[in-house]
Amino acid sequence: MTKAPKKDFQSIPGMPVRQARGQTNHFAGYAAEDAVTRDYAARGYEEVSRRWRGKAGEIDLIVRDGNGLVFVEVKSSRDFNKAAQLLTPRQIQRLQRAAEEFLGTQPNGQLTDMRFDVALVDRFGTIAVVENALVAM
């Protein structure tokens, strides 16, 4: 049984509502990642990789900050609080393992300067970057 769509959600004709909502969220996530990538570039960071995938998982964005690397997890939702709540302990572990795997491809390996940022994007496209976010968690 297909549930009726919420009033603020436009379904795609001929597609089940749940599938359409999932597809919409998927594209919204890509749009948020693109906006965050542009934000980092505007602040002088060099893009190293987007949506890097290793055996341990995916990293949304990796940028270079001088000689160091910044691993960025992008979370988008209606507001910053909801976006921040989407980051689970399991995702944090996955992100850390994926970063370790990526560092294995770098000349300095685990000795590479690095940090983990979380970029929160609200429904208006406003971006809030929490630098060194995983240190505080």
Protein backbone atom coordinates (compact mmCIF):
# COMPACT_ATOMS: atom_id res chain seq x y z
CA MET A 1 0.00 0.00 0.00
CA THR A 2 1.42 3.38 -1.01
CA LYS A 3 1.06 6.20 1.50
CA ALA A 4 -0.21 9.55 0.34
CA PRO A 5 2.57 12.07 -0.22
CA LYS A 6 3.10 14.86 2.29
CA LYS A 7 1.68 18.20 1.21
CA ASP A 8 5.14 19.70 0.67
CA PHE A 9 6.35 16.80 -1.48
CA GLN A 10 5.74 16.66 -5.22
CA SER A 11 5.62 13.06 -6.40
CA ILE A 12 6.94 12.05 -9.81
CA PRO A 13 4.09 10.76 -12.03
CA GLY A 14 4.11 6.97 -12.35
CA MET A 15 6.69 6.46 -9.59
CA PRO A 16 5.85 5.17 -6.11
CA VAL A 17 5.96 7.97 -3.54
CA ARG A 18 8.64 6.32 -1.40
CA GLN A 19 10.92 5.77 -4.39
CA ALA A 20 10.38 9.34 -5.61
CA ARG A 21 11.14 10.73 -2.14
CA GLY A 22 14.32 8.64 -1.96
CA GLN A 23 15.41 9.83 -5.38
CA THR A 24 14.71 13.44 -4.42
CA ASN A 25 16.75 13.06 -1.22
CA HIS A 26 19.56 11.45 -3.20
CA PHE A 27 19.77 14.40 -5.61
CA ALA A 28 19.44 16.88 -2.74
CA GLY A 29 22.46 15.19 -1.13
CA TYR A 30 24.47 15.61 -4.33
CA ALA A 31 23.44 19.27 -4.53
CA ALA A 32 24.55 19.78 -0.91
CA GLU A 33 27.91 18.13 -1.64
CA ASP A 34 28.39 20.37 -4.69
CA ALA A 35 27.60 23.48 -2.65
CA VAL A 36 30.03 22.44 0.11
CA THR A 37 32.74 21.73 -2.49
CA ARG A 38 32.30 25.23 -3.92
CA ASP A 39 32.39 26.69 -0.40
CA TYR A 40 35.73 25.03 0.39
CA ALA A 41 37.14 26.11 -3.00
CA ALA A 42 36.08 29.71 -2.35
CA ARG A 43 37.98 29.56 0.94
CA GLY A 44 41.16 28.44 -0.84
CA TYR A 45 41.09 24.69 -0.31
CA GLU A 46 42.18 22.42 -3.14
CA GLU A 47 39.83 19.58 -4.02
CA VAL A 48 41.54 16.19 -3.83
CA SER A 49 38.58 13.87 -4.27
CA ARG A 50 34.79 13.83 -4.20
CA ARG A 51 32.81 10.79 -3.18
CA TRP A 52 36.01 8.77 -2.68
CA ARG A 53 35.11 5.14 -2.15
CA GLY A 54 37.29 2.54 -0.50
CA LYS A 55 36.64 -0.84 1.10
CA ALA A 56 35.74 0.81 4.40
CA GLY A 57 33.23 3.24 2.91
CA GLU A 58 32.81 6.56 1.17
CA ILE A 59 34.14 10.00 2.01
CA ASP A 60 31.99 12.82 0.66
CA LEU A 61 34.81 15.28 0.09
CA ILE A 62 38.58 15.40 0.62
CA VAL A 63 40.36 18.74 0.32
CA ARG A 64 43.93 19.87 0.82
CA ASP A 65 44.71 22.52 3.41
CA GLY A 66 48.37 23.39 2.83
CA ASN A 67 50.23 20.13 3.48
CA GLY A 68 47.30 18.55 5.32
CA LEU A 69 44.07 16.90 4.33
CA VAL A 70 40.53 17.61 5.42
CA PHE A 71 37.98 14.80 5.29
CA VAL A 72 34.51 16.29 5.02
CA GLU A 73 31.22 14.57 5.82
CA VAL A 74 28.24 16.45 4.35
CA LYS A 75 24.87 16.26 6.09
CA SER A 76 21.77 18.04 4.82
CA SER A 77 18.32 18.40 6.32
CA ARG A 78 15.64 21.00 7.04
CA ASP A 79 17.80 22.71 9.63
CA PHE A 80 21.30 22.43 11.05
CA ASN A 81 20.22 20.55 14.19
CA LYS A 82 18.43 17.87 12.18
CA ALA A 83 21.41 17.61 9.81
CA ALA A 84 23.83 17.20 12.74
CA GLN A 85 21.66 14.46 14.24
CA LEU A 86 22.06 12.43 11.03
CA LEU A 87 25.71 11.73 11.87
CA THR A 88 25.72 8.47 13.81
CA PRO A 89 28.56 6.84 15.77
CA ARG A 90 28.61 4.07 13.16
CA GLN A 91 29.09 6.63 10.37
CA ILE A 92 31.88 8.28 12.32
CA GLN A 93 33.69 4.94 12.60
CA ARG A 94 33.15 4.29 8.89
CA LEU A 95 34.51 7.73 8.03
CA GLN A 96 37.59 7.20 10.21
CA ARG A 97 38.29 3.77 8.68
CA ALA A 98 37.84 5.13 5.16
CA ALA A 99 40.21 8.02 5.97
CA GLU A 100 42.83 5.57 7.26
CA GLU A 101 42.47 3.64 4.02
CA PHE A 102 42.85 6.84 1.97
CA LEU A 103 45.92 7.89 3.96
CA GLY A 104 47.51 4.61 2.92
CA THR A 105 47.63 6.03 -0.61
CA GLN A 106 49.50 9.17 0.49
CA PRO A 107 53.29 9.64 0.57
CA ASN A 108 53.34 10.36 4.33
CA GLY A 109 50.67 7.77 5.11
CA GLN A 110 49.31 7.98 8.66
CA LEU A 111 51.74 10.84 9.39
CA THR A 112 49.80 13.17 7.06
CA ASP A 113 48.32 16.18 8.89
CA MET A 114 44.54 15.83 8.79
CA ARG A 115 41.25 16.75 10.35
CA PHE A 116 37.60 15.78 10.03
CA ASP A 117 35.02 18.46 9.27
CA VAL A 118 31.26 18.11 9.15
CA ALA A 119 29.46 20.41 6.72
CA LEU A 120 25.81 20.98 7.59
CA VAL A 121 23.43 22.23 4.91
CA ASP A 122 19.90 23.43 5.69
CA ARG A 123 16.86 23.54 3.39
CA PHE A 124 17.85 27.01 2.16
CA GLY A 125 21.29 25.84 1.07
CA THR A 126 23.03 27.66 3.92
CA ILE A 127 26.26 25.92 4.91
CA ALA A 128 27.73 25.65 8.41
CA VAL A 129 31.12 23.96 8.62
CA VAL A 130 32.19 22.45 11.93
CA GLU A 131 35.98 22.15 11.69
CA ASN A 132 37.66 19.35 13.63
CA ALA A 133 34.15 18.09 14.37
CA LEU A 134 35.11 14.58 15.39
CA VAL A 135 37.42 15.84 18.13
CA ALA A 136 34.40 17.30 19.92
CA MET A 137 32.34 14.11 19.64
